[in-house]
C-alpha atoms as a PDB file:
ATOM      1  CA  MET A   1      13.832  12.589 -97.300  1.00  0.00           C
ATOM      2  CA  LYS A   2      12.635  10.500 -94.363  1.00  0.00           C
ATOM      3  CA  ALA A   3       9.984  11.661 -91.921  1.00  0.00           C
ATOM      4  CA  ILE A   4       7.809  10.315 -89.132  1.00  0.00           C
ATOM      5  CA  LEU A   5       4.186  10.957 -90.106  1.00  0.00           C
ATOM      6  CA  CYS A   6       0.964  11.229 -88.156  1.00  0.00           C
ATOM      7  CA  SER A   7      -1.839  10.902 -90.724  1.00  0.00           C
ATOM      8  CA  GLU A   8      -4.655  10.514 -88.179  1.00  0.00           C
ATOM      9  CA  PHE A   9      -4.877  10.893 -84.421  1.00  0.00           C
ATOM     10  CA  CYS A  10      -3.085   7.871 -83.043  1.00  0.00           C
ATOM     11  CA  GLN A  11      -0.721   6.342 -80.494  1.00  0.00           C
ATOM     12  CA  PRO A  12       3.094   6.394 -80.862  1.00  0.00           C
ATOM     13  CA  ASP A  13       3.225   2.875 -82.329  1.00  0.00           C
ATOM     14  CA  ASP A  14       0.863   3.960 -85.137  1.00  0.00           C
ATOM     15  CA  LEU A  15       3.224   6.623 -86.486  1.00  0.00           C
ATOM     16  CA  VAL A  16       4.658   5.856 -89.942  1.00  0.00           C
ATOM     17  CA  PHE A  17       8.295   6.142 -91.086  1.00  0.00           C
ATOM     18  CA  ALA A  18       7.926   7.417 -94.663  1.00  0.00           C
ATOM     19  CA  ASP A  19       9.461   9.298 -97.587  1.00  0.00           C
ATOM     20  CA  VAL A  20       8.299  12.869 -98.199  1.00  0.00           C
ATOM     21  CA  PRO A  21       9.494  15.524-100.674  1.00  0.00           C
ATOM     22  CA  ASP A  22      12.433  17.697 -99.668  1.00  0.00           C
ATOM     23  CA  PRO A  23      11.391  21.197 -98.548  1.00  0.00           C
ATOM     24  CA  VAL A  24      12.237  24.277-100.633  1.00  0.00           C
ATOM     25  CA  ALA A  25      13.082  27.619 -99.054  1.00  0.00           C
ATOM     26  CA  GLY A  26      10.539  30.286 -99.955  1.00  0.00           C
ATOM     27  CA  ALA A  27      11.087  34.008 -99.658  1.00  0.00           C
ATOM     28  CA  GLY A  28      12.323  34.857 -96.167  1.00  0.00           C
ATOM     29  CA  GLU A  29      12.886  31.186 -95.322  1.00  0.00           C
ATOM     30  CA  ALA A  30      15.819  28.835 -94.846  1.00  0.00           C
ATOM     31  CA  VAL A  31      16.045  25.041 -95.036  1.00  0.00           C
ATOM     32  CA  ILE A  32      17.681  23.328 -92.056  1.00  0.00           C
ATOM     33  CA  ALA A  33      19.281  19.904 -92.406  1.00  0.00           C
ATOM     34  CA  ILE A  34      18.218  18.579 -89.002  1.00  0.00           C
ATOM     35  CA  LYS A  35      20.930  16.996 -86.851  1.00  0.00           C
ATOM     36  CA  ALA A  36      18.864  16.760 -83.651  1.00  0.00           C
ATOM     37  CA  ALA A  37      15.153  17.118 -82.945  1.00  0.00           C
ATOM     38  CA  ALA A  38      13.878  17.387 -79.374  1.00  0.00           C
ATOM     39  CA  LEU A  39      10.652  15.770 -78.193  1.00  0.00           C
ATOM     40  CA  ASN A  40       8.323  17.079 -75.502  1.00  0.00           C
ATOM     41  CA  PHE A  41       5.400  15.620 -73.580  1.00  0.00           C
ATOM     42  CA  PHE A  42       2.925  17.640 -75.641  1.00  0.00           C
ATOM     43  CA  ASP A  43       4.050  15.775 -78.787  1.00  0.00           C
ATOM     44  CA  ILE A  44       2.168  12.764 -77.416  1.00  0.00           C
ATOM     45  CA  LEU A  45      -0.949  14.860 -76.820  1.00  0.00           C
ATOM     46  CA  MET A  46      -0.643  16.354 -80.307  1.00  0.00           C
ATOM     47  CA  ILE A  47      -0.610  13.006 -82.134  1.00  0.00           C
ATOM     48  CA  GLN A  48      -3.534  11.874 -79.952  1.00  0.00           C
ATOM     49  CA  GLY A  49      -5.581  14.969 -80.792  1.00  0.00           C
ATOM     50  CA  LYS A  50      -5.604  16.084 -77.151  1.00  0.00           C
ATOM     51  CA  TYR A  51      -3.454  19.203 -77.528  1.00  0.00           C
ATOM     52  CA  GLN A  52      -4.767  22.735 -78.048  1.00  0.00           C
ATOM     53  CA  ILE A  53      -2.863  22.957 -81.340  1.00  0.00           C
ATOM     54  CA  LYS A  54      -3.958  20.508 -84.054  1.00  0.00           C
ATOM     55  CA  PRO A  55      -1.764  20.677 -87.185  1.00  0.00           C
ATOM     56  CA  PRO A  56      -3.220  19.565 -90.516  1.00  0.00           C
ATOM     57  CA  PHE A  57      -2.519  15.928 -91.478  1.00  0.00           C
ATOM     58  CA  PRO A  58      -0.050  14.550 -92.228  1.00  0.00           C
ATOM     59  CA  PHE A  59       2.389  16.111 -89.773  1.00  0.00           C
ATOM     60  CA  SER A  60       5.437  15.048 -87.796  1.00  0.00           C
ATOM     61  CA  PRO A  61       5.871  15.469 -84.043  1.00  0.00           C
ATOM     62  CA  GLY A  62       8.906  17.387 -82.783  1.00  0.00           C
ATOM     63  CA  ALA A  63       8.721  21.112 -82.057  1.00  0.00           C
ATOM     64  CA  GLU A  64      12.396  22.116 -81.826  1.00  0.00           C
ATOM     65  CA  VAL A  65      15.342  21.362 -84.054  1.00  0.00           C
ATOM     66  CA  ALA A  66      19.058  22.022 -84.370  1.00  0.00           C
ATOM     67  CA  GLY A  67      21.124  21.574 -87.493  1.00  0.00           C
ATOM     68  CA  VAL A  68      22.888  23.207 -90.407  1.00  0.00           C
ATOM     69  CA  ILE A  69      21.523  25.682 -92.957  1.00  0.00           C
ATOM     70  CA  GLU A  70      21.262  23.888 -96.294  1.00  0.00           C
ATOM     71  CA  SER A  71      19.734  26.657 -98.416  1.00  0.00           C
ATOM     72  CA  VAL A  72      18.202  30.119 -98.056  1.00  0.00           C
ATOM     73  CA  GLY A  73      15.360  31.837 -99.874  1.00  0.00           C
ATOM     74  CA  ASP A  74      15.091  35.317-101.368  1.00  0.00           C
ATOM     75  CA  GLY A  75      15.581  38.166 -98.941  1.00  0.00           C
ATOM     76  CA  VAL A  76      17.487  36.170 -96.310  1.00  0.00           C
ATOM     77  CA  THR A  77      20.670  38.039 -95.451  1.00  0.00           C
ATOM     78  CA  ASP A  78      21.530  37.067 -91.873  1.00  0.00           C
ATOM     79  CA  LEU A  79      21.911  33.319 -92.540  1.00  0.00           C
ATOM     80  CA  LYS A  80      24.138  31.453 -94.955  1.00  0.00           C
ATOM     81  CA  VAL A  81      24.670  27.850 -96.035  1.00  0.00           C
ATOM     82  CA  GLY A  82      26.662  25.984 -93.398  1.00  0.00           C
ATOM     83  CA  ASP A  83      25.562  28.045 -90.395  1.00  0.00           C
ATOM     84  CA  ARG A  84      24.904  26.008 -87.236  1.00  0.00           C
ATOM     85  CA  VAL A  85      21.451  26.924 -85.947  1.00  0.00           C
ATOM     86  CA  VAL A  86      18.531  26.139 -83.658  1.00  0.00           C
ATOM     87  CA  ALA A  87      14.839  26.862 -84.192  1.00  0.00           C
ATOM     88  CA  SER A  88      11.368  26.305 -82.823  1.00  0.00           C
ATOM     89  CA  CYS A  89       9.003  24.831 -85.407  1.00  0.00           C
ATOM     90  CA  GLY A  90       5.874  23.849 -83.447  1.00  0.00           C
ATOM     91  CA  HIS A  91       5.722  20.483 -85.226  1.00  0.00           C
ATOM     92  CA  ASN A  92       7.381  18.646 -88.152  1.00  0.00           C
ATOM     93  CA  GLY A  93      10.749  18.350 -86.413  1.00  0.00           C
ATOM     94  CA  ALA A  94      10.836  14.551 -86.691  1.00  0.00           C
ATOM     95  CA  ARG A  95      12.157  14.558 -90.248  1.00  0.00           C
ATOM     96  CA  GLN A  96      15.465  15.098 -91.999  1.00  0.00           C
ATOM     97  CA  LYS A  97      14.915  18.666 -93.245  1.00  0.00           C
ATOM     98  CA  ILE A  98      12.576  21.573 -92.599  1.00  0.00           C
ATOM     99  CA  ALA A  99      11.934  24.998 -94.140  1.00  0.00           C
ATOM    100  CA  LEU A 100      11.319  27.749 -91.573  1.00  0.00           C
ATOM    101  CA  PRO A 101      11.113  31.546 -91.500  1.00  0.00           C
ATOM    102  CA  ALA A 102      14.615  32.934 -91.089  1.00  0.00           C
ATOM    103  CA  SER A 103      13.309  35.195 -88.321  1.00  0.00           C
ATOM    104  CA  SER A 104      12.646  32.111 -86.164  1.00  0.00           C
ATOM    105  CA  ILE A 105      16.184  30.712 -86.552  1.00  0.00           C
ATOM    106  CA  VAL A 106      19.031  31.516 -84.168  1.00  0.00           C
ATOM    107  CA  LYS A 107      22.726  30.765 -84.744  1.00  0.00           C
ATOM    108  CA  ILE A 108      24.593  28.657 -82.192  1.00  0.00           C
ATOM    109  CA  PRO A 109      28.327  28.732 -81.359  1.00  0.00           C
ATOM    110  CA  ASP A 110      30.657  25.918 -82.375  1.00  0.00           C
ATOM    111  CA  ASN A 111      31.137  24.762 -78.765  1.00  0.00           C
ATOM    112  CA  LEU A 112      27.415  23.954 -78.334  1.00  0.00           C
ATOM    113  CA  ASP A 113      26.541  20.488 -79.647  1.00  0.00           C
ATOM    114  CA  PHE A 114      23.346  19.906 -81.631  1.00  0.00           C
ATOM    115  CA  ASP A 115      21.717  17.587 -79.071  1.00  0.00           C
ATOM    116  CA  ARG A 116      21.927  20.097 -76.226  1.00  0.00           C
ATOM    117  CA  ALA A 117      21.020  22.996 -78.515  1.00  0.00           C
ATOM    118  CA  ALA A 118      17.836  21.271 -79.689  1.00  0.00           C
ATOM    119  CA  GLY A 119      16.636  20.930 -76.119  1.00  0.00           C
ATOM    120  CA  ILE A 120      16.992  24.589 -75.170  1.00  0.00           C
ATOM    121  CA  ILE A 121      14.093  26.324 -76.839  1.00  0.00           C
ATOM    122  CA  ILE A 122      10.861  25.080 -75.319  1.00  0.00           C
ATOM    123  CA  ILE A 123      11.779  23.934 -71.813  1.00  0.00           C
ATOM    124  CA  TYR A 124      14.157  26.788 -71.035  1.00  0.00           C
ATOM    125  CA  GLY A 125      12.084  29.272 -73.029  1.00  0.00           C
ATOM    126  CA  THR A 126       9.009  28.265 -71.049  1.00  0.00           C
ATOM    127  CA  ALA A 127      10.823  28.313 -67.709  1.00  0.00           C
ATOM    128  CA  LEU A 128      12.505  31.662 -68.368  1.00  0.00           C
ATOM    129  CA  HIS A 129       9.223  33.258 -69.471  1.00  0.00           C
ATOM    130  CA  ALA A 130       7.449  31.733 -66.460  1.00  0.00           C
ATOM    131  CA  LEU A 131       9.978  32.903 -63.891  1.00  0.00           C
ATOM    132  CA  GLU A 132      11.056  36.201 -65.432  1.00  0.00           C
ATOM    133  CA  ASP A 133       7.805  37.486 -66.951  1.00  0.00           C
ATOM    134  CA  ARG A 134       5.022  35.791 -64.960  1.00  0.00           C
ATOM    135  CA  ALA A 135       6.336  34.995 -61.463  1.00  0.00           C
ATOM    136  CA  SER A 136       7.432  38.499 -60.347  1.00  0.00           C
ATOM    137  CA  PRO A 137      10.393  36.927 -58.491  1.00  0.00           C
ATOM    138  CA  LYS A 138      12.350  38.607 -55.740  1.00  0.00           C
ATOM    139  CA  PRO A 139      15.865  37.387 -54.805  1.00  0.00           C
ATOM    140  CA  GLY A 140      15.773  35.012 -51.878  1.00  0.00           C
ATOM    141  CA  GLU A 141      12.170  33.894 -52.448  1.00  0.00           C
ATOM    142  CA  THR A 142      11.307  30.202 -52.387  1.00  0.00           C
ATOM    143  CA  LEU A 143      10.493  28.405 -55.642  1.00  0.00           C
ATOM    144  CA  ALA A 144       8.851  24.965 -55.463  1.00  0.00           C
ATOM    145  CA  VAL A 145       9.180  22.988 -58.710  1.00  0.00           C
ATOM    146  CA  LEU A 146       6.895  19.999 -59.294  1.00  0.00           C
ATOM    147  CA  GLY A 147       8.131  17.304 -61.684  1.00  0.00           C
ATOM    148  CA  ALA A 148      11.574  18.699 -61.009  1.00  0.00           C
ATOM    149  CA  ALA A 149      13.549  16.055 -62.931  1.00  0.00           C
ATOM    150  CA  GLY A 150      11.529  16.395 -66.145  1.00  0.00           C
ATOM    151  CA  GLY A 151      12.583  18.730 -68.923  1.00  0.00           C
ATOM    152  CA  THR A 152      10.724  21.894 -67.930  1.00  0.00           C
ATOM    153  CA  GLY A 153      11.106  21.212 -64.213  1.00  0.00           C
ATOM    154  CA  LEU A 154      14.860  20.802 -64.520  1.00  0.00           C
ATOM    155  CA  ALA A 155      15.071  24.038 -66.504  1.00  0.00           C
ATOM    156  CA  ALA A 156      13.125  25.818 -63.752  1.00  0.00           C
ATOM    157  CA  CYS A 157      15.531  24.487 -61.101  1.00  0.00           C
ATOM    158  CA  GLU A 158      18.566  25.754 -63.017  1.00  0.00           C
ATOM    159  CA  LEU A 159      17.088  29.133 -63.918  1.00  0.00           C
ATOM    160  CA  GLY A 160      15.668  29.601 -60.420  1.00  0.00           C
ATOM    161  CA  LYS A 161      19.133  29.189 -58.978  1.00  0.00           C
ATOM    162  CA  LEU A 162      20.579  31.648 -61.519  1.00  0.00           C
ATOM    163  CA  MET A 163      17.908  34.169 -60.469  1.00  0.00           C
ATOM    164  CA  GLY A 164      18.822  33.893 -56.800  1.00  0.00           C
ATOM    165  CA  LEU A 165      15.777  31.882 -55.715  1.00  0.00           C
ATOM    166  CA  LYS A 166      15.811  29.101 -53.120  1.00  0.00           C
ATOM    167  CA  VAL A 167      14.712  26.051 -55.117  1.00  0.00           C
ATOM    168  CA  ILE A 168      12.706  23.173 -53.649  1.00  0.00           C
ATOM    169  CA  ALA A 169      12.637  20.240 -56.076  1.00  0.00           C
ATOM    170  CA  CYS A 170       9.540  18.033 -55.832  1.00  0.00           C
ATOM    171  CA  ALA A 171       9.484  14.667 -57.621  1.00  0.00           C
ATOM    172  CA  SER A 172       8.356  11.066 -57.298  1.00  0.00           C
ATOM    173  CA  SER A 173      11.650   9.296 -56.572  1.00  0.00           C
ATOM    174  CA  ASP A 174      14.851   9.833 -54.645  1.00  0.00           C
ATOM    175  CA  GLU A 175      16.848   9.284 -57.844  1.00  0.00           C
ATOM    176  CA  LYS A 176      15.006  12.140 -59.567  1.00  0.00           C
ATOM    177  CA  LEU A 177      15.477  14.387 -56.555  1.00  0.00           C
ATOM    178  CA  GLU A 178      19.220  13.770 -56.422  1.00  0.00           C
ATOM    179  CA  PHE A 179      19.353  14.625 -60.125  1.00  0.00           C
ATOM    180  CA  ALA A 180      17.476  17.890 -59.472  1.00  0.00           C
ATOM    181  CA  ARG A 181      19.830  18.697 -56.589  1.00  0.00           C
ATOM    182  CA  GLN A 182      22.734  18.437 -59.049  1.00  0.00           C
ATOM    183  CA  HIS A 183      20.970  21.041 -61.199  1.00  0.00           C
ATOM    184  CA  GLY A 184      20.220  23.841 -58.766  1.00  0.00           C
ATOM    185  CA  ALA A 185      17.796  22.552 -56.125  1.00  0.00           C
ATOM    186  CA  THR A 186      18.619  23.418 -52.504  1.00  0.00           C
ATOM    187  CA  LEU A 187      15.893  21.298 -50.878  1.00  0.00           C
ATOM    188  CA  THR A 188      13.984  18.239 -52.072  1.00  0.00           C
ATOM    189  CA  LEU A 189      10.606  16.619 -51.437  1.00  0.00           C
ATOM    190  CA  ASN A 190       9.573  13.122 -52.544  1.00  0.00           C
ATOM    191  CA  TYR A 191       5.798  13.354 -53.017  1.00  0.00           C
ATOM    192  CA  ALA A 192       5.529   9.593 -53.445  1.00  0.00           C
ATOM    193  CA  LYS A 193       6.620   9.252 -49.801  1.00  0.00           C
ATOM    194  CA  GLU A 194       5.402  12.460 -48.154  1.00  0.00           C
ATOM    195  CA  ASP A 195       2.252  14.556 -48.445  1.00  0.00           C
ATOM    196  CA  LEU A 196       3.091  17.443 -50.797  1.00  0.00           C
ATOM    197  CA  LYS A 197       1.181  20.113 -48.887  1.00  0.00           C
ATOM    198  CA  GLU A 198       2.636  19.195 -45.500  1.00  0.00           C
ATOM    199  CA  GLY A 199       6.104  18.678 -46.955  1.00  0.00           C
ATOM    200  CA  LEU A 200       6.223  22.138 -48.522  1.00  0.00           C
ATOM    201  CA  ARG A 201       5.035  23.706 -45.291  1.00  0.00           C
ATOM    202  CA  ARG A 202       7.716  21.787 -43.382  1.00  0.00           C
ATOM    203  CA  LEU A 203      10.498  22.863 -45.726  1.00  0.00           C
ATOM    204  CA  THR A 204       9.437  26.533 -45.552  1.00  0.00           C
ATOM    205  CA  ASP A 205       8.968  26.671 -41.756  1.00  0.00           C
ATOM    206  CA  GLY A 206       5.222  26.926 -42.201  1.00  0.00           C
ATOM    207  CA  LYS A 207       5.325  29.928 -44.557  1.00  0.00           C
ATOM    208  CA  GLY A 208       4.784  28.078 -47.830  1.00  0.00           C
ATOM    209  CA  ALA A 209       6.518  28.536 -51.173  1.00  0.00           C
ATOM    210  CA  ASP A 210       6.430  32.009 -52.718  1.00  0.00           C
ATOM    211  CA  ILE A 211       6.346  30.606 -56.266  1.00  0.00           C
ATOM    212  CA  ILE A 212       5.015  27.213 -57.351  1.00  0.00           C
ATOM    213  CA  PHE A 213       6.020  25.972 -60.810  1.00  0.00           C
ATOM    214  CA  ASP A 214       3.601  23.213 -61.853  1.00  0.00           C
ATOM    215  CA  PRO A 215       4.032  21.313 -65.138  1.00  0.00           C
ATOM    216  CA  VAL A 216       2.367  18.219 -63.620  1.00  0.00           C
ATOM    217  CA  GLY A 217      -1.225  19.097 -62.695  1.00  0.00           C
ATOM    218  CA  GLY A 218      -3.462  16.265 -61.530  1.00  0.00           C
ATOM    219  CA  ALA A 219      -3.887  15.809 -57.789  1.00  0.00           C
ATOM    220  CA  TYR A 220      -0.579  17.529 -57.017  1.00  0.00           C
ATOM    221  CA  ALA A 221      -1.768  20.952 -58.151  1.00  0.00           C
ATOM    222  CA  GLU A 222      -4.352  21.542 -55.434  1.00  0.00           C
ATOM    223  CA  ALA A 223      -2.083  20.121 -52.739  1.00  0.00           C
ATOM    224  CA  ALA A 224       0.664  22.530 -53.795  1.00  0.00           C
ATOM    225  CA  LEU A 225      -1.725  25.485 -53.940  1.00  0.00           C
ATOM    226  CA  ARG A 226      -2.914  24.726 -50.411  1.00  0.00           C
ATOM    227  CA  SER A 227       0.684  25.123 -49.224  1.00  0.00           C
ATOM    228  CA  ILE A 228       1.434  28.396 -51.018  1.00  0.00           C
ATOM    229  CA  ALA A 229       2.686  31.449 -49.149  1.00  0.00           C
ATOM    230  CA  TRP A 230       0.593  34.589 -48.620  1.00  0.00           C
ATOM    231  CA  GLU A 231       0.595  36.544 -51.903  1.00  0.00           C
ATOM    232  CA  GLY A 232       2.321  33.596 -53.591  1.00  0.00           C
ATOM    233  CA  ARG A 233       2.219  32.972 -57.335  1.00  0.00           C
ATOM    234  CA  PHE A 234       1.054  29.602 -58.684  1.00  0.00           C
ATOM    235  CA  LEU A 235       2.344  29.079 -62.243  1.00  0.00           C
ATOM    236  CA  VAL A 236       0.221  26.798 -64.436  1.00  0.00           C
ATOM    237  CA  ILE A 237       2.729  25.253 -66.875  1.00  0.00           C
ATOM    238  CA  GLY A 238       1.068  22.025 -68.043  1.00  0.00           C
ATOM    239  CA  PHE A 239      -0.576  18.741 -67.140  1.00  0.00           C
ATOM    240  CA  ALA A 240       1.917  15.886 -67.464  1.00  0.00           C
ATOM    241  CA  ALA A 241      -0.125  13.824 -64.981  1.00  0.00           C
ATOM    242  CA  GLY A 242      -2.914  13.771 -67.560  1.00  0.00           C
ATOM    243  CA  ASP A 243      -5.725  15.317 -65.526  1.00  0.00           C
ATOM    244  CA  ILE A 244      -6.505  19.032 -65.654  1.00  0.00           C
ATOM    245  CA  PRO A 245      -7.246  19.986 -62.035  1.00  0.00           C
ATOM    246  CA  LYS A 246     -10.310  21.962 -61.015  1.00  0.00           C
ATOM    247  CA  MET A 247      -8.976  24.347 -58.396  1.00  0.00           C
ATOM    248  CA  PRO A 248     -11.216  25.637 -55.572  1.00  0.00           C
ATOM    249  CA  LEU A 249     -11.116  29.394 -56.115  1.00  0.00           C
ATOM    250  CA  ASN A 250     -11.649  30.063 -52.414  1.00  0.00           C
ATOM    251  CA  LEU A 251      -7.974  29.072 -52.003  1.00  0.00           C
ATOM    252  CA  ALA A 252      -6.928  32.102 -54.056  1.00  0.00           C
ATOM    253  CA  LEU A 253      -9.004  34.272 -51.724  1.00  0.00           C
ATOM    254  CA  LEU A 254      -7.771  32.700 -48.502  1.00  0.00           C
ATOM    255  CA  LYS A 255      -4.112  32.771 -49.566  1.00  0.00           C
ATOM    256  CA  GLY A 256      -4.233  36.185 -51.220  1.00  0.00           C
ATOM    257  CA  CYS A 257      -2.387  34.440 -54.041  1.00  0.00           C
ATOM    258  CA  ASP A 258      -2.347  34.571 -57.829  1.00  0.00           C
ATOM    259  CA  ILE A 259      -2.904  31.680 -60.224  1.00  0.00           C
ATOM    260  CA  ARG A 260      -1.008  32.651 -63.358  1.00  0.00           C
ATOM    261  CA  GLY A 261      -1.148  30.851 -66.689  1.00  0.00           C
ATOM    262  CA  VAL A 262       2.080  30.320 -68.622  1.00  0.00           C
ATOM    263  CA  PHE A 263       1.472  29.728 -72.344  1.00  0.00           C
ATOM    264  CA  TRP A 264       4.943  30.266 -73.778  1.00  0.00           C
ATOM    265  CA  GLY A 265       3.941  29.468 -77.370  1.00  0.00           C
ATOM    266  CA  ALA A 266       1.256  32.162 -77.528  1.00  0.00           C
ATOM    267  CA  TRP A 267       3.450  34.673 -75.692  1.00  0.00           C
ATOM    268  CA  ALA A 268       6.311  33.999 -78.123  1.00  0.00           C
ATOM    269  CA  ARG A 269       4.073  34.702 -81.117  1.00  0.00           C
ATOM    270  CA  ILE A 270       2.808  37.952 -79.555  1.00  0.00           C
ATOM    271  CA  ASN A 271       6.289  39.051 -78.406  1.00  0.00           C
ATOM    272  CA  PRO A 272       8.671  37.754 -81.109  1.00  0.00           C
ATOM    273  CA  ALA A 273      11.483  40.224 -80.408  1.00  0.00           C
ATOM    274  CA  LYS A 274      11.520  39.532 -76.658  1.00  0.00           C
ATOM    275  CA  ASN A 275      11.309  35.785 -77.281  1.00  0.00           C
ATOM    276  CA  ARG A 276      14.229  35.897 -79.711  1.00  0.00           C
ATOM    277  CA  ALA A 277      16.273  37.865 -77.173  1.00  0.00           C
ATOM    278  CA  ASN A 278      15.417  35.235 -74.546  1.00  0.00           C
ATOM    279  CA  LEU A 279      16.486  32.427 -76.866  1.00  0.00           C
ATOM    280  CA  GLU A 280      19.785  34.116 -77.726  1.00  0.00           C
ATOM    281  CA  LYS A 281      20.439  34.587 -73.994  1.00  0.00           C
ATOM    282  CA  LEU A 282      19.652  30.917 -73.283  1.00  0.00           C
ATOM    283  CA  VAL A 283      21.937  29.735 -76.105  1.00  0.00           C
ATOM    284  CA  GLN A 284      24.753  31.868 -74.663  1.00  0.00           C
ATOM    285  CA  TRP A 285      24.185  30.624 -71.098  1.00  0.00           C
ATOM    286  CA  THR A 286      24.190  27.008 -72.286  1.00  0.00           C
ATOM    287  CA  ALA A 287      27.362  27.489 -74.308  1.00  0.00           C
ATOM    288  CA  GLU A 288      28.963  29.083 -71.214  1.00  0.00           C
ATOM    289  CA  GLY A 289      27.986  26.092 -69.061  1.00  0.00           C
ATOM    290  CA  LYS A 290      25.514  28.004 -66.879  1.00  0.00           C
ATOM    291  CA  LEU A 291      22.678  25.758 -68.090  1.00  0.00           C
ATOM    292  CA  SER A 292      23.055  22.031 -68.653  1.00  0.00           C
ATOM    293  CA  SER A 293      20.385  21.344 -71.300  1.00  0.00           C
ATOM    294  CA  HIS A 294      20.837  17.766 -70.118  1.00  0.00           C
ATOM    295  CA  VAL A 295      20.090  15.011 -72.649  1.00  0.00           C
ATOM    296  CA  ASP A 296      18.568  11.913 -71.063  1.00  0.00           C
ATOM    297  CA  ARG A 297      18.842   9.693 -74.154  1.00  0.00           C
ATOM    298  CA  THR A 298      18.813   9.756 -77.954  1.00  0.00           C
ATOM    299  CA  PHE A 299      17.027   7.668 -80.599  1.00  0.00           C
ATOM    300  CA  PRO A 300      17.318   7.292 -84.366  1.00  0.00           C
ATOM    301  CA  LEU A 301      14.384   8.816 -86.268  1.00  0.00           C
ATOM    302  CA  ALA A 302      12.907   5.392 -87.068  1.00  0.00           C
ATOM    303  CA  GLN A 303      12.494   4.746 -83.308  1.00  0.00           C
ATOM    304  CA  THR A 304      10.415   7.864 -82.601  1.00  0.00           C
ATOM    305  CA  ALA A 305       7.649   5.722 -81.088  1.00  0.00           C
ATOM    306  CA  ASP A 306      10.062   4.316 -78.499  1.00  0.00           C
ATOM    307  CA  ALA A 307      11.275   7.821 -77.697  1.00  0.00           C
ATOM    308  CA  LEU A 308       7.716   9.083 -77.162  1.00  0.00           C
ATOM    309  CA  LYS A 309       6.936   6.132 -74.884  1.00  0.00           C
ATOM    310  CA  VAL A 310       9.871   7.122 -72.648  1.00  0.00           C
ATOM    311  CA  LEU A 311       8.195  10.512 -72.224  1.00  0.00           C
ATOM    312  CA  ALA A 312       4.746   8.977 -71.737  1.00  0.00           C
ATOM    313  CA  GLY A 313       6.140   6.770 -68.971  1.00  0.00           C
ATOM    314  CA  ARG A 314       7.740   9.799 -67.280  1.00  0.00           C
ATOM    315  CA  GLN A 315      11.080   7.970 -67.398  1.00  0.00           C
ATOM    316  CA  ALA A 316      13.187  10.812 -68.777  1.00  0.00           C
ATOM    317  CA  MET A 317      15.385  13.047 -66.639  1.00  0.00           C
ATOM    318  CA  GLY A 318      16.168  15.826 -69.087  1.00  0.00           C
ATOM    319  CA  LYS A 319      15.532  15.795 -72.832  1.00  0.00           C
ATOM    320  CA  VAL A 320      14.795  13.003 -75.291  1.00  0.00           C
ATOM    321  CA  ILE A 321      16.420  13.669 -78.666  1.00  0.00           C
ATOM    322  CA  LEU A 322      15.917  12.219 -82.161  1.00  0.00           C
ATOM    323  CA  HIS A 323      18.748  11.864 -84.677  1.00  0.00           C
ATOM    324  CA  PRO A 324      17.304  12.207 -88.206  1.00  0.00           C
END
């Protein structure tokens, strides 16, 4: 089968399109013939050796896949050949087939296409965990989402609206903000044109946002924290801007606020039953049209480098999908 391989820490253009042996389902496993693999910003960090998880070489980027069950191993009773499924794999999604534990695989309904299904797990899983488990939300509170047109940001806008929050989308262009408005945002703020701290204060009548969802980091993080409401919750999602900010802790004191880390991957491993229930709920909501799981663009497997460069350039609004 074909796979995109990272054999040493490298840039997207250094990835190799190669032949590797087909996987075999071990006990408790199933092999998925991958129809769509979703990419995320951390895939770039992973191949560069800058991510907290460093798989053994050679590995493929791509942490979430959707496809069809091709074979099952001993002891697997809840999956059968031909089932349409989605799964989180951590890495190795950019290939034609993958063997995964059956416990990590969730069935999807016939009315949910593979491209949209592949994009559900990480961005919506992260956003749901962040807002439901970490943010302590109350209906009617204000949620400010940085990088609101990116994958995780867009998921936070949609889920925030479903949870009854007033969503303020923050992004770097009017086009991105209009896109976020179509996906649940009530108010918008262009932080390329207006100071983020002052803008958030203006949009909240001086109170500040109750919850700040930050997958961007860099200089925007401190500016957002300075605008947070009393007893607000600042959610640390990631660092798409590249720089990990060093936050002045006196701000937490002065604002009476919480800075809360959101590490969905670790939480999912520690709470597998709750995570599976979350994923099944997200699949259902997407199939029902409550969540868009919007696909920005798709690429054939051989063009994985081009797909990763779209993410690196922060050009995507929604998910970037590979077709193995």
